Amino acid sequence: MESKRSRFAKLNDGHFMPVLGFGTIASEGVPKSKVTEATKVAIDVGFRHIDAAYVYENEEEVGKAIREKIADGTVKREDIFYTTKLWTTFFRPELVRQALERSLKKLQLDYVDLFIIHLPIAMKPGEELHPKDASGKIILETVDLRDTWEALEKCKDAGLTKSIGVSNFNRKLLEMILNKPGLKYKPVCNQVECHPYLNQSKLLEFCKSKDIVLVAYSALGTQRDPNWVDKDSLVLLEDPTLNSIAKKHNRSPGQVALRYQVQRGVVVLAKSFNEKRIKENFQVFDFELTTEDMKAIDGLNKNYRYFKLAFAADHPYYPFSEEY
């Protein structure tokens, strides 16, 4: 149905990112060994873009899966596009490189393909991933993101990562980086929550105008992790419109939600540790949504956010108080 070429997004630094990625964040209670197994299944069914992060605390397991699939001849290292993320406790410029080196050590890899700022909100440095004060509030700090960005540029120059980008940035924060005096590299991407209930059309348009790829997380809604998401939030995959379009194409609502993003030029991440669904999630290249389908799915937008980052609402870089 589609040429191989259309399965990649060209980044503004010349590298190519597969338009469909496998997400590796695991809910609490998922055994670590499951992460290795699921990542191996994902590579076996065709996923080449692996989205991970230091804060997921499972990069050893993901790295093991990648190395095993290289060792058995399924893939070469250069076939894999691996993303890791700079956690918020490492935003001070002098901590950035060591954060990436920690991920590389866990992965036992020489480089990553993409290193992105996970959230625009810095937390107090230290070994605690979510440092809290006596009253249980997360301890935030303000680090100039332009200084953090410069440290990411140095990681690229050092060959530790091929590309650099951001996540959870709004237009204003992106402009802050883009307008930075002496900017050496633009962010190649902005990874944000994006699904039919929050289709990010304005942010997508802005990113396209700057040659920044929008990468969608929570593209299938969310597992409603009680630490981050309201337990009574909307269930995207039960949406009647998605379900009727899925029925028409003889597909699952999840496949329709993923295909929607691919067709609008968004790189999309799919996360599942269930073998059947991992296979299903990769099967989005052999059908096409009609213009009417796309319009109907566009019409579902409610600007409904699962991840509100309420703990940081008063931070000067809080990204969700603006329209986009």
C-alpha atoms as a PDB file:
ATOM      1  CA  MET A   1       0.000   0.000   0.000  1.00  0.00           C
ATOM      2  CA  GLU A   2       2.704   2.450   0.986  1.00  0.00           C
ATOM      3  CA  SER A   3       6.287   2.935  -0.038  1.00  0.00           C
ATOM      4  CA  LYS A   4       8.925   2.202   2.585  1.00  0.00           C
ATOM      5  CA  ARG A   5       9.928   5.877   2.391  1.00  0.00           C
ATOM      6  CA  SER A   6       6.597   7.025   3.750  1.00  0.00           C
ATOM      7  CA  ARG A   7       7.271   5.014   6.907  1.00  0.00           C
ATOM      8  CA  PHE A   8       9.906   7.566   7.964  1.00  0.00           C
ATOM      9  CA  ALA A   9       9.792  11.219   8.896  1.00  0.00           C
ATOM     10  CA  LYS A  10      12.800  13.244   7.772  1.00  0.00           C
ATOM     11  CA  LEU A  11      14.183  15.283  10.671  1.00  0.00           C
ATOM     12  CA  ASN A  12      15.560  18.805  10.282  1.00  0.00           C
ATOM     13  CA  ASP A  13      19.107  17.520  10.955  1.00  0.00           C
ATOM     14  CA  GLY A  14      18.968  15.002   8.089  1.00  0.00           C
ATOM     15  CA  HIS A  15      18.262  11.871  10.128  1.00  0.00           C
ATOM     16  CA  PHE A  16      15.136   9.739   9.625  1.00  0.00           C
ATOM     17  CA  MET A  17      12.653   8.690  12.321  1.00  0.00           C
ATOM     18  CA  PRO A  18      10.237   5.769  11.783  1.00  0.00           C
ATOM     19  CA  VAL A  19       6.679   7.163  11.914  1.00  0.00           C
ATOM     20  CA  LEU A  20       5.494   4.381  14.211  1.00  0.00           C
ATOM     21  CA  GLY A  21       7.227   3.882  17.546  1.00  0.00           C
ATOM     22  CA  PHE A  22       6.992   1.397  20.388  1.00  0.00           C
ATOM     23  CA  GLY A  23       6.512   2.939  23.853  1.00  0.00           C
ATOM     24  CA  THR A  24       8.225   1.283  26.808  1.00  0.00           C
ATOM     25  CA  ILE A  25       6.744   2.994  29.869  1.00  0.00           C
ATOM     26  CA  ALA A  26       5.440   0.271  32.200  1.00  0.00           C
ATOM     27  CA  SER A  27       2.682   0.693  34.756  1.00  0.00           C
ATOM     28  CA  GLU A  28       3.558  -0.087  38.354  1.00  0.00           C
ATOM     29  CA  GLY A  29       3.358  -3.786  38.998  1.00  0.00           C
ATOM     30  CA  VAL A  30       4.502  -4.856  35.523  1.00  0.00           C
ATOM     31  CA  PRO A  31       7.529  -7.116  36.050  1.00  0.00           C
ATOM     32  CA  LYS A  32      10.735  -5.843  34.445  1.00  0.00           C
ATOM     33  CA  SER A  33      11.232  -9.087  32.505  1.00  0.00           C
ATOM     34  CA  LYS A  34       7.961  -8.327  30.709  1.00  0.00           C
ATOM     35  CA  VAL A  35       9.569  -5.173  29.270  1.00  0.00           C
ATOM     36  CA  THR A  36      12.375  -7.203  27.667  1.00  0.00           C
ATOM     37  CA  GLU A  37       9.919  -9.723  26.226  1.00  0.00           C
ATOM     38  CA  ALA A  38       7.539  -7.071  24.864  1.00  0.00           C
ATOM     39  CA  THR A  39      10.384  -5.085  23.270  1.00  0.00           C
ATOM     40  CA  LYS A  40      11.652  -8.245  21.557  1.00  0.00           C
ATOM     41  CA  VAL A  41       8.149  -8.979  20.247  1.00  0.00           C
ATOM     42  CA  ALA A  42       7.881  -5.389  19.008  1.00  0.00           C
ATOM     43  CA  ILE A  43      11.158  -5.692  17.087  1.00  0.00           C
ATOM     44  CA  ASP A  44      10.063  -9.069  15.692  1.00  0.00           C
ATOM     45  CA  VAL A  45       6.781  -7.671  14.349  1.00  0.00           C
ATOM     46  CA  GLY A  46       8.547  -4.744  12.685  1.00  0.00           C
ATOM     47  CA  PHE A  47       8.879  -1.851  15.153  1.00  0.00           C
ATOM     48  CA  ARG A  48      12.231  -0.088  14.676  1.00  0.00           C
ATOM     49  CA  HIS A  49      11.544   3.067  16.684  1.00  0.00           C
ATOM     50  CA  ILE A  50      11.799   2.441  20.450  1.00  0.00           C
ATOM     51  CA  ASP A  51      10.715   5.245  22.774  1.00  0.00           C
ATOM     52  CA  ALA A  52      12.178   5.042  26.274  1.00  0.00           C
ATOM     53  CA  ALA A  53      13.285   7.273  29.143  1.00  0.00           C
ATOM     54  CA  TYR A  54      15.558   7.347  32.162  1.00  0.00           C
ATOM     55  CA  VAL A  55      12.592   7.907  34.490  1.00  0.00           C
ATOM     56  CA  TYR A  56      10.874   4.693  33.291  1.00  0.00           C
ATOM     57  CA  GLU A  57      13.593   2.814  35.195  1.00  0.00           C
ATOM     58  CA  ASN A  58      13.695  -0.045  32.698  1.00  0.00           C
ATOM     59  CA  GLU A  59      16.397   0.918  30.202  1.00  0.00           C
ATOM     60  CA  GLU A  60      18.499  -2.116  31.223  1.00  0.00           C
ATOM     61  CA  GLU A  61      15.625  -4.358  30.139  1.00  0.00           C
ATOM     62  CA  VAL A  62      14.946  -2.474  26.907  1.00  0.00           C
ATOM     63  CA  GLY A  63      18.662  -2.430  26.087  1.00  0.00           C
ATOM     64  CA  LYS A  64      18.883  -6.166  26.706  1.00  0.00           C
ATOM     65  CA  ALA A  65      16.030  -6.767  24.228  1.00  0.00           C
ATOM     66  CA  ILE A  66      17.706  -4.606  21.556  1.00  0.00           C
ATOM     67  CA  ARG A  67      21.084  -6.274  22.064  1.00  0.00           C
ATOM     68  CA  GLU A  68      19.546  -9.759  21.880  1.00  0.00           C
ATOM     69  CA  LYS A  69      17.764  -8.880  18.641  1.00  0.00           C
ATOM     70  CA  ILE A  70      21.041  -7.554  17.213  1.00  0.00           C
ATOM     71  CA  ALA A  71      22.882 -10.687  18.361  1.00  0.00           C
ATOM     72  CA  ASP A  72      20.375 -13.055  16.729  1.00  0.00           C
ATOM     73  CA  GLY A  73      20.595 -11.180  13.420  1.00  0.00           C
ATOM     74  CA  THR A  74      17.046  -9.768  13.409  1.00  0.00           C
ATOM     75  CA  VAL A  75      18.329  -6.175  13.220  1.00  0.00           C
ATOM     76  CA  LYS A  76      21.530  -4.171  13.090  1.00  0.00           C
ATOM     77  CA  ARG A  77      22.094  -1.310  15.536  1.00  0.00           C
ATOM     78  CA  GLU A  78      21.597   1.220  12.723  1.00  0.00           C
ATOM     79  CA  ASP A  79      18.130  -0.222  11.983  1.00  0.00           C
ATOM     80  CA  ILE A  80      16.948   0.787  15.447  1.00  0.00           C
ATOM     81  CA  PHE A  81      15.893   4.336  16.300  1.00  0.00           C
ATOM     82  CA  TYR A  82      16.207   4.636  20.068  1.00  0.00           C
ATOM     83  CA  THR A  83      14.929   7.628  22.032  1.00  0.00           C
ATOM     84  CA  THR A  84      15.755   8.412  25.639  1.00  0.00           C
ATOM     85  CA  LYS A  85      14.755  11.440  27.692  1.00  0.00           C
ATOM     86  CA  LEU A  86      16.540  13.838  30.007  1.00  0.00           C
ATOM     87  CA  TRP A  87      14.765  13.617  33.350  1.00  0.00           C
ATOM     88  CA  THR A  88      13.899  16.811  35.182  1.00  0.00           C
ATOM     89  CA  THR A  89      16.402  16.348  38.020  1.00  0.00           C
ATOM     90  CA  PHE A  90      19.274  16.684  35.500  1.00  0.00           C
ATOM     91  CA  PHE A  91      18.422  20.042  33.898  1.00  0.00           C
ATOM     92  CA  ARG A  92      21.379  21.966  35.264  1.00  0.00           C
ATOM     93  CA  PRO A  93      23.751  22.135  32.301  1.00  0.00           C
ATOM     94  CA  GLU A  94      26.584  20.367  34.135  1.00  0.00           C
ATOM     95  CA  LEU A  95      24.324  17.340  34.799  1.00  0.00           C
ATOM     96  CA  VAL A  96      22.983  16.789  31.275  1.00  0.00           C
ATOM     97  CA  ARG A  97      25.792  14.716  29.804  1.00  0.00           C
ATOM     98  CA  GLN A  98      26.070  12.459  32.834  1.00  0.00           C
ATOM     99  CA  ALA A  99      22.319  11.811  32.633  1.00  0.00           C
ATOM    100  CA  LEU A 100      22.720  10.602  29.041  1.00  0.00           C
ATOM    101  CA  GLU A 101      25.797   8.585  29.997  1.00  0.00           C
ATOM    102  CA  ARG A 102      23.758   6.865  32.714  1.00  0.00           C
ATOM    103  CA  SER A 103      21.168   5.817  30.128  1.00  0.00           C
ATOM    104  CA  LEU A 104      23.876   4.592  27.737  1.00  0.00           C
ATOM    105  CA  LYS A 105      25.470   2.573  30.510  1.00  0.00           C
ATOM    106  CA  LYS A 106      22.144   0.935  31.388  1.00  0.00           C
ATOM    107  CA  LEU A 107      21.499   0.221  27.692  1.00  0.00           C
ATOM    108  CA  GLN A 108      25.079  -0.899  27.013  1.00  0.00           C
ATOM    109  CA  LEU A 109      24.939   1.096  23.784  1.00  0.00           C
ATOM    110  CA  ASP A 110      27.437   3.654  22.428  1.00  0.00           C
ATOM    111  CA  TYR A 111      24.878   6.223  21.343  1.00  0.00           C
ATOM    112  CA  VAL A 112      21.149   6.929  21.216  1.00  0.00           C
ATOM    113  CA  ASP A 113      19.338   8.204  18.141  1.00  0.00           C
ATOM    114  CA  LEU A 114      17.386  10.871  19.977  1.00  0.00           C
ATOM    115  CA  PHE A 115      17.780  12.604  23.338  1.00  0.00           C
ATOM    116  CA  ILE A 116      14.907  14.853  24.383  1.00  0.00           C
ATOM    117  CA  ILE A 117      14.021  17.093  27.321  1.00  0.00           C
ATOM    118  CA  HIS A 118      11.260  15.086  29.035  1.00  0.00           C
ATOM    119  CA  LEU A 119       9.292  18.001  30.544  1.00  0.00           C
ATOM    120  CA  PRO A 120      10.068  21.708  30.601  1.00  0.00           C
ATOM    121  CA  ILE A 121       9.915  21.729  34.418  1.00  0.00           C
ATOM    122  CA  ALA A 122      13.085  21.191  36.449  1.00  0.00           C
ATOM    123  CA  MET A 123      13.078  19.380  39.781  1.00  0.00           C
ATOM    124  CA  LYS A 124      15.648  19.482  42.548  1.00  0.00           C
ATOM    125  CA  PRO A 125      18.767  17.514  41.494  1.00  0.00           C
ATOM    126  CA  GLY A 126      19.711  14.318  43.284  1.00  0.00           C
ATOM    127  CA  GLU A 127      19.045  10.593  43.162  1.00  0.00           C
ATOM    128  CA  GLU A 128      15.338  10.977  43.973  1.00  0.00           C
ATOM    129  CA  LEU A 129      13.364  10.918  40.711  1.00  0.00           C
ATOM    130  CA  HIS A 130      10.473  12.797  42.359  1.00  0.00           C
ATOM    131  CA  PRO A 131      12.090  14.809  45.165  1.00  0.00           C
ATOM    132  CA  LYS A 132       9.488  15.817  47.748  1.00  0.00           C
ATOM    133  CA  ASP A 133       9.472  18.170  50.702  1.00  0.00           C
ATOM    134  CA  ALA A 134       8.215  17.261  54.199  1.00  0.00           C
ATOM    135  CA  SER A 135       4.614  17.902  53.167  1.00  0.00           C
ATOM    136  CA  GLY A 136       4.910  15.573  50.154  1.00  0.00           C
ATOM    137  CA  LYS A 137       5.043  18.307  47.530  1.00  0.00           C
ATOM    138  CA  ILE A 138       7.434  17.833  44.602  1.00  0.00           C
ATOM    139  CA  ILE A 139      10.410  20.204  44.867  1.00  0.00           C
ATOM    140  CA  LEU A 140      10.723  22.192  41.657  1.00  0.00           C
ATOM    141  CA  GLU A 141      13.418  24.593  40.578  1.00  0.00           C
ATOM    142  CA  THR A 142      13.896  26.955  37.658  1.00  0.00           C
ATOM    143  CA  VAL A 143      16.727  26.237  35.268  1.00  0.00           C
ATOM    144  CA  ASP A 144      16.916  28.297  32.069  1.00  0.00           C
ATOM    145  CA  LEU A 145      15.933  25.783  29.385  1.00  0.00           C
ATOM    146  CA  ARG A 146      18.245  27.554  26.917  1.00  0.00           C
ATOM    147  CA  ASP A 147      21.211  26.544  29.078  1.00  0.00           C
ATOM    148  CA  THR A 148      19.915  22.974  29.289  1.00  0.00           C
ATOM    149  CA  TRP A 149      19.500  22.987  25.498  1.00  0.00           C
ATOM    150  CA  GLU A 150      23.112  24.073  24.990  1.00  0.00           C
ATOM    151  CA  ALA A 151      24.209  21.059  27.019  1.00  0.00           C
ATOM    152  CA  LEU A 152      22.097  18.805  24.758  1.00  0.00           C
ATOM    153  CA  GLU A 153      23.798  20.351  21.714  1.00  0.00           C
ATOM    154  CA  LYS A 154      27.143  19.357  23.244  1.00  0.00           C
ATOM    155  CA  CYS A 155      25.925  15.767  23.643  1.00  0.00           C
ATOM    156  CA  LYS A 156      25.123  15.717  19.924  1.00  0.00           C
ATOM    157  CA  ASP A 157      28.537  17.146  19.077  1.00  0.00           C
ATOM    158  CA  ALA A 158      30.146  14.482  21.266  1.00  0.00           C
ATOM    159  CA  GLY A 159      28.387  11.737  19.258  1.00  0.00           C
ATOM    160  CA  LEU A 160      26.425  10.444  22.254  1.00  0.00           C
ATOM    161  CA  THR A 161      23.162  11.148  20.432  1.00  0.00           C
ATOM    162  CA  LYS A 162      22.377  11.614  16.736  1.00  0.00           C
ATOM    163  CA  SER A 163      19.503  14.057  17.267  1.00  0.00           C
ATOM    164  CA  ILE A 164      18.077  16.243  20.029  1.00  0.00           C
ATOM    165  CA  GLY A 165      14.544  17.379  20.741  1.00  0.00           C
ATOM    166  CA  VAL A 166      11.964  18.296  23.357  1.00  0.00           C
ATOM    167  CA  SER A 167       8.772  16.964  24.905  1.00  0.00           C
ATOM    168  CA  ASN A 168       5.724  18.605  26.480  1.00  0.00           C
ATOM    169  CA  PHE A 169       6.706  22.050  25.146  1.00  0.00           C
ATOM    170  CA  ASN A 170       4.128  24.598  24.053  1.00  0.00           C
ATOM    171  CA  ARG A 171       4.612  27.155  21.304  1.00  0.00           C
ATOM    172  CA  LYS A 172       6.089  29.763  23.647  1.00  0.00           C
ATOM    173  CA  LEU A 173       8.719  27.371  25.017  1.00  0.00           C
ATOM    174  CA  LEU A 174       9.608  26.162  21.516  1.00  0.00           C
ATOM    175  CA  GLU A 175      10.064  29.783  20.436  1.00  0.00           C
ATOM    176  CA  MET A 176      12.291  30.395  23.424  1.00  0.00           C
ATOM    177  CA  ILE A 177      14.670  27.702  22.137  1.00  0.00           C
ATOM    178  CA  LEU A 178      14.306  28.648  18.454  1.00  0.00           C
ATOM    179  CA  ASN A 179      15.063  32.333  19.189  1.00  0.00           C
ATOM    180  CA  LYS A 180      18.004  31.578  21.452  1.00  0.00           C
ATOM    181  CA  PRO A 181      21.077  33.615  20.436  1.00  0.00           C
ATOM    182  CA  GLY A 182      23.779  31.281  19.153  1.00  0.00           C
ATOM    183  CA  LEU A 183      21.391  28.357  18.640  1.00  0.00           C
ATOM    184  CA  LYS A 184      23.388  25.551  17.039  1.00  0.00           C
ATOM    185  CA  TYR A 185      20.692  22.914  16.446  1.00  0.00           C
ATOM    186  CA  LYS A 186      16.908  23.220  16.351  1.00  0.00           C
ATOM    187  CA  PRO A 187      14.868  20.626  18.201  1.00  0.00           C
ATOM    188  CA  VAL A 188      14.018  17.881  15.686  1.00  0.00           C
ATOM    189  CA  CYS A 189      10.779  17.031  17.454  1.00  0.00           C
ATOM    190  CA  ASN A 190       8.299  17.900  20.156  1.00  0.00           C
ATOM    191  CA  GLN A 191       6.777  14.832  21.800  1.00  0.00           C
ATOM    192  CA  VAL A 192       3.374  15.649  23.288  1.00  0.00           C
ATOM    193  CA  GLU A 193       0.144  14.013  24.374  1.00  0.00           C
ATOM    194  CA  CYS A 194      -1.911  13.743  21.193  1.00  0.00           C
ATOM    195  CA  HIS A 195      -5.016  11.714  20.359  1.00  0.00           C
ATOM    196  CA  PRO A 196      -8.488  12.346  18.882  1.00  0.00           C
ATOM    197  CA  TYR A 197      -9.667  14.041  22.114  1.00  0.00           C
ATOM    198  CA  LEU A 198      -6.594  16.339  22.091  1.00  0.00           C
ATOM    199  CA  ASN A 199      -5.554  16.549  18.462  1.00  0.00           C
ATOM    200  CA  GLN A 200      -3.070  19.416  18.911  1.00  0.00           C
ATOM    201  CA  SER A 201      -3.955  20.827  15.472  1.00  0.00           C
ATOM    202  CA  LYS A 202      -2.568  24.311  16.246  1.00  0.00           C
ATOM    203  CA  LEU A 203       0.647  23.034  17.784  1.00  0.00           C
ATOM    204  CA  LEU A 204       1.026  20.609  14.857  1.00  0.00           C
ATOM    205  CA  GLU A 205       0.668  23.458  12.377  1.00  0.00           C
ATOM    206  CA  PHE A 206       3.232  25.534  14.273  1.00  0.00           C
ATOM    207  CA  CYS A 207       5.698  22.625  14.473  1.00  0.00           C
ATOM    208  CA  LYS A 208       5.332  21.882  10.753  1.00  0.00           C
ATOM    209  CA  SER A 209       6.023  25.545   9.966  1.00  0.00           C
ATOM    210  CA  LYS A 210       9.328  25.263  11.879  1.00  0.00           C
ATOM    211  CA  ASP A 211      10.262  21.840  10.444  1.00  0.00           C
ATOM    212  CA  ILE A 212       9.814  20.201  13.852  1.00  0.00           C
ATOM    213  CA  VAL A 213       8.184  16.756  13.902  1.00  0.00           C
ATOM    214  CA  LEU A 214       5.290  16.292  16.309  1.00  0.00           C
ATOM    215  CA  VAL A 215       5.481  12.926  18.097  1.00  0.00           C
ATOM    216  CA  ALA A 216       2.272  11.694  19.755  1.00  0.00           C
ATOM    217  CA  TYR A 217       2.211   9.915  23.099  1.00  0.00           C
ATOM    218  CA  SER A 218      -0.968   8.509  24.696  1.00  0.00           C
ATOM    219  CA  ALA A 219      -2.238   8.165  21.126  1.00  0.00           C
ATOM    220  CA  LEU A 220      -4.542   5.366  22.312  1.00  0.00           C
ATOM    221  CA  GLY A 221      -5.727   7.282  25.360  1.00  0.00           C
ATOM    222  CA  THR A 222      -4.084   6.095  28.571  1.00  0.00           C
ATOM    223  CA  GLN A 223      -4.010   3.287  31.096  1.00  0.00           C
ATOM    224  CA  ARG A 224      -5.073   5.846  33.699  1.00  0.00           C
ATOM    225  CA  ASP A 225      -2.100   5.480  36.006  1.00  0.00           C
ATOM    226  CA  PRO A 226      -3.516   6.903  39.269  1.00  0.00           C
ATOM    227  CA  ASN A 227      -0.249   8.779  39.917  1.00  0.00           C
ATOM    228  CA  TRP A 228      -0.756  10.940  36.837  1.00  0.00           C
ATOM    229  CA  VAL A 229      -4.300  10.602  35.538  1.00  0.00           C
ATOM    230  CA  ASP A 230      -7.813  10.926  37.025  1.00  0.00           C
ATOM    231  CA  LYS A 231      -9.305   7.476  37.459  1.00  0.00           C
ATOM    232  CA  ASP A 232     -12.612   8.550  35.936  1.00  0.00           C
ATOM    233  CA  SER A 233     -11.128  10.075  32.780  1.00  0.00           C
ATOM    234  CA  LEU A 234     -12.643   9.382  29.359  1.00  0.00           C
ATOM    235  CA  VAL A 235     -11.901   6.075  27.630  1.00  0.00           C
ATOM    236  CA  LEU A 236     -10.812   7.017  24.100  1.00  0.00           C
ATOM    237  CA  LEU A 237     -11.017   3.528  22.601  1.00  0.00           C
ATOM    238  CA  GLU A 238     -14.692   3.238  23.582  1.00  0.00           C
ATOM    239  CA  ASP A 239     -15.570   6.281  21.478  1.00  0.00           C
ATOM    240  CA  PRO A 240     -18.544   5.426  19.204  1.00  0.00           C
ATOM    241  CA  THR A 241     -17.186   7.381  16.196  1.00  0.00           C
ATOM    242  CA  LEU A 242     -13.817   5.607  16.362  1.00  0.00           C
ATOM    243  CA  ASN A 243     -15.585   2.293  16.730  1.00  0.00           C
ATOM    244  CA  SER A 244     -17.879   2.804  13.749  1.00  0.00           C
ATOM    245  CA  ILE A 245     -14.937   3.838  11.529  1.00  0.00           C
ATOM    246  CA  ALA A 246     -13.000   0.807  12.791  1.00  0.00           C
ATOM    247  CA  LYS A 247     -15.911  -1.501  11.958  1.00  0.00           C
ATOM    248  CA  LYS A 248     -16.164  -0.070   8.453  1.00  0.00           C
ATOM    249  CA  HIS A 249     -12.480  -0.831   7.768  1.00  0.00           C
ATOM    250  CA  ASN A 250     -12.561  -4.115   9.670  1.00  0.00           C
ATOM    251  CA  ARG A 251      -9.943  -2.747  12.078  1.00  0.00           C
ATOM    252  CA  SER A 252      -9.675  -2.082  15.800  1.00  0.00           C
ATOM    253  CA  PRO A 253     -10.336   1.405  17.217  1.00  0.00           C
ATOM    254  CA  GLY A 254      -6.687   1.470  18.281  1.00  0.00           C
ATOM    255  CA  GLN A 255      -5.503   0.904  14.722  1.00  0.00           C
ATOM    256  CA  VAL A 256      -7.764   3.729  13.548  1.00  0.00           C
ATOM    257  CA  ALA A 257      -6.401   6.101  16.230  1.00  0.00           C
ATOM    258  CA  LEU A 258      -2.815   5.291  15.150  1.00  0.00           C
ATOM    259  CA  ARG A 259      -3.562   5.503  11.422  1.00  0.00           C
ATOM    260  CA  TYR A 260      -5.192   8.916  11.991  1.00  0.00           C
ATOM    261  CA  GLN A 261      -1.879  10.298  13.279  1.00  0.00           C
ATOM    262  CA  VAL A 262       0.230   8.754  10.520  1.00  0.00           C
ATOM    263  CA  GLN A 263      -2.044  10.306   7.869  1.00  0.00           C
ATOM    264  CA  ARG A 264      -1.796  13.786   9.358  1.00  0.00           C
ATOM    265  CA  GLY A 265       1.997  13.706   9.426  1.00  0.00           C
ATOM    266  CA  VAL A 266       2.436  12.920  13.114  1.00  0.00           C
ATOM    267  CA  VAL A 267       4.923  10.313  14.355  1.00  0.00           C
ATOM    268  CA  VAL A 268       2.937   8.094  16.685  1.00  0.00           C
ATOM    269  CA  LEU A 269       3.916   5.925  19.653  1.00  0.00           C
ATOM    270  CA  ALA A 270       1.979   2.798  20.561  1.00  0.00           C
ATOM    271  CA  LYS A 271       2.448   1.106  23.892  1.00  0.00           C
ATOM    272  CA  SER A 272       1.316  -2.378  24.788  1.00  0.00           C
ATOM    273  CA  PHE A 273       2.910  -5.327  26.531  1.00  0.00           C
ATOM    274  CA  ASN A 274       0.333  -7.715  25.076  1.00  0.00           C
ATOM    275  CA  GLU A 275       1.698  -9.725  22.138  1.00  0.00           C
ATOM    276  CA  LYS A 276      -1.547  -9.706  20.149  1.00  0.00           C
ATOM    277  CA  ARG A 277      -1.939  -5.942  20.511  1.00  0.00           C
ATOM    278  CA  ILE A 278       1.713  -5.211  19.726  1.00  0.00           C
ATOM    279  CA  LYS A 279       1.184  -7.014  16.391  1.00  0.00           C
ATOM    280  CA  GLU A 280      -2.112  -5.241  15.826  1.00  0.00           C
ATOM    281  CA  ASN A 281      -0.582  -1.830  16.559  1.00  0.00           C
ATOM    282  CA  PHE A 282       2.014  -2.328  13.837  1.00  0.00           C
ATOM    283  CA  GLN A 283      -0.637  -3.069  11.196  1.00  0.00           C
ATOM    284  CA  VAL A 284      -1.473   0.487  10.217  1.00  0.00           C
ATOM    285  CA  PHE A 285       0.293   0.698   6.861  1.00  0.00           C
ATOM    286  CA  ASP A 286      -2.063  -1.501   4.849  1.00  0.00           C
ATOM    287  CA  PHE A 287      -5.268   0.529   5.048  1.00  0.00           C
ATOM    288  CA  GLU A 288      -6.226   4.155   4.584  1.00  0.00           C
ATOM    289  CA  LEU A 289      -8.786   6.421   6.227  1.00  0.00           C
ATOM    290  CA  THR A 290     -10.963   8.457   3.878  1.00  0.00           C
ATOM    291  CA  THR A 291     -11.180  12.250   3.975  1.00  0.00           C
ATOM    292  CA  GLU A 292     -14.583  11.814   5.661  1.00  0.00           C
ATOM    293  CA  ASP A 293     -13.076   9.504   8.298  1.00  0.00           C
ATOM    294  CA  MET A 294     -10.317  12.023   9.002  1.00  0.00           C
ATOM    295  CA  LYS A 295     -12.864  14.854   9.310  1.00  0.00           C
ATOM    296  CA  ALA A 296     -15.027  12.802  11.653  1.00  0.00           C
ATOM    297  CA  ILE A 297     -12.026  12.028  13.884  1.00  0.00           C
ATOM    298  CA  ASP A 298     -10.943  15.694  13.795  1.00  0.00           C
ATOM    299  CA  GLY A 299     -14.435  16.466  15.076  1.00  0.00           C
ATOM    300  CA  LEU A 300     -13.829  14.448  18.251  1.00  0.00           C
ATOM    301  CA  ASN A 301     -11.328  16.994  19.580  1.00  0.00           C
ATOM    302  CA  LYS A 302     -12.264  18.271  23.058  1.00  0.00           C
ATOM    303  CA  ASN A 303      -8.830  19.637  24.060  1.00  0.00           C
ATOM    304  CA  TYR A 304      -9.057  16.917  26.695  1.00  0.00           C
ATOM    305  CA  ARG A 305      -5.778  16.256  28.470  1.00  0.00           C
ATOM    306  CA  TYR A 306      -5.021  13.087  30.426  1.00  0.00           C
ATOM    307  CA  PHE A 307      -1.650  14.319  31.708  1.00  0.00           C
ATOM    308  CA  LYS A 308      -2.150  17.706  33.331  1.00  0.00           C
ATOM    309  CA  LEU A 309       1.079  17.927  35.385  1.00  0.00           C
ATOM    310  CA  ALA A 310      -0.929  19.722  38.044  1.00  0.00           C
ATOM    311  CA  PHE A 311       1.978  19.542  40.524  1.00  0.00           C
ATOM    312  CA  ALA A 312       3.806  22.116  38.391  1.00  0.00           C
ATOM    313  CA  ALA A 313       0.938  24.464  37.557  1.00  0.00           C
ATOM    314  CA  ASP A 314       2.695  27.420  39.238  1.00  0.00           C
ATOM    315  CA  HIS A 315       6.074  26.844  37.581  1.00  0.00           C
ATOM    316  CA  PRO A 316       7.138  29.635  35.175  1.00  0.00           C
ATOM    317  CA  TYR A 317       7.582  27.059  32.381  1.00  0.00           C
ATOM    318  CA  TYR A 318       4.300  25.205  33.017  1.00  0.00           C
ATOM    319  CA  PRO A 319       3.304  24.328  29.428  1.00  0.00           C
ATOM    320  CA  PHE A 320      -0.451  23.827  29.590  1.00  0.00           C
ATOM    321  CA  SER A 321      -1.854  27.200  30.631  1.00  0.00           C
ATOM    322  CA  GLU A 322      -1.639  28.562  27.063  1.00  0.00           C
ATOM    323  CA  GLU A 323      -3.978  27.470  24.279  1.00  0.00           C
ATOM    324  CA  TYR A 324      -1.084  25.587  22.597  1.00  0.00           C
END
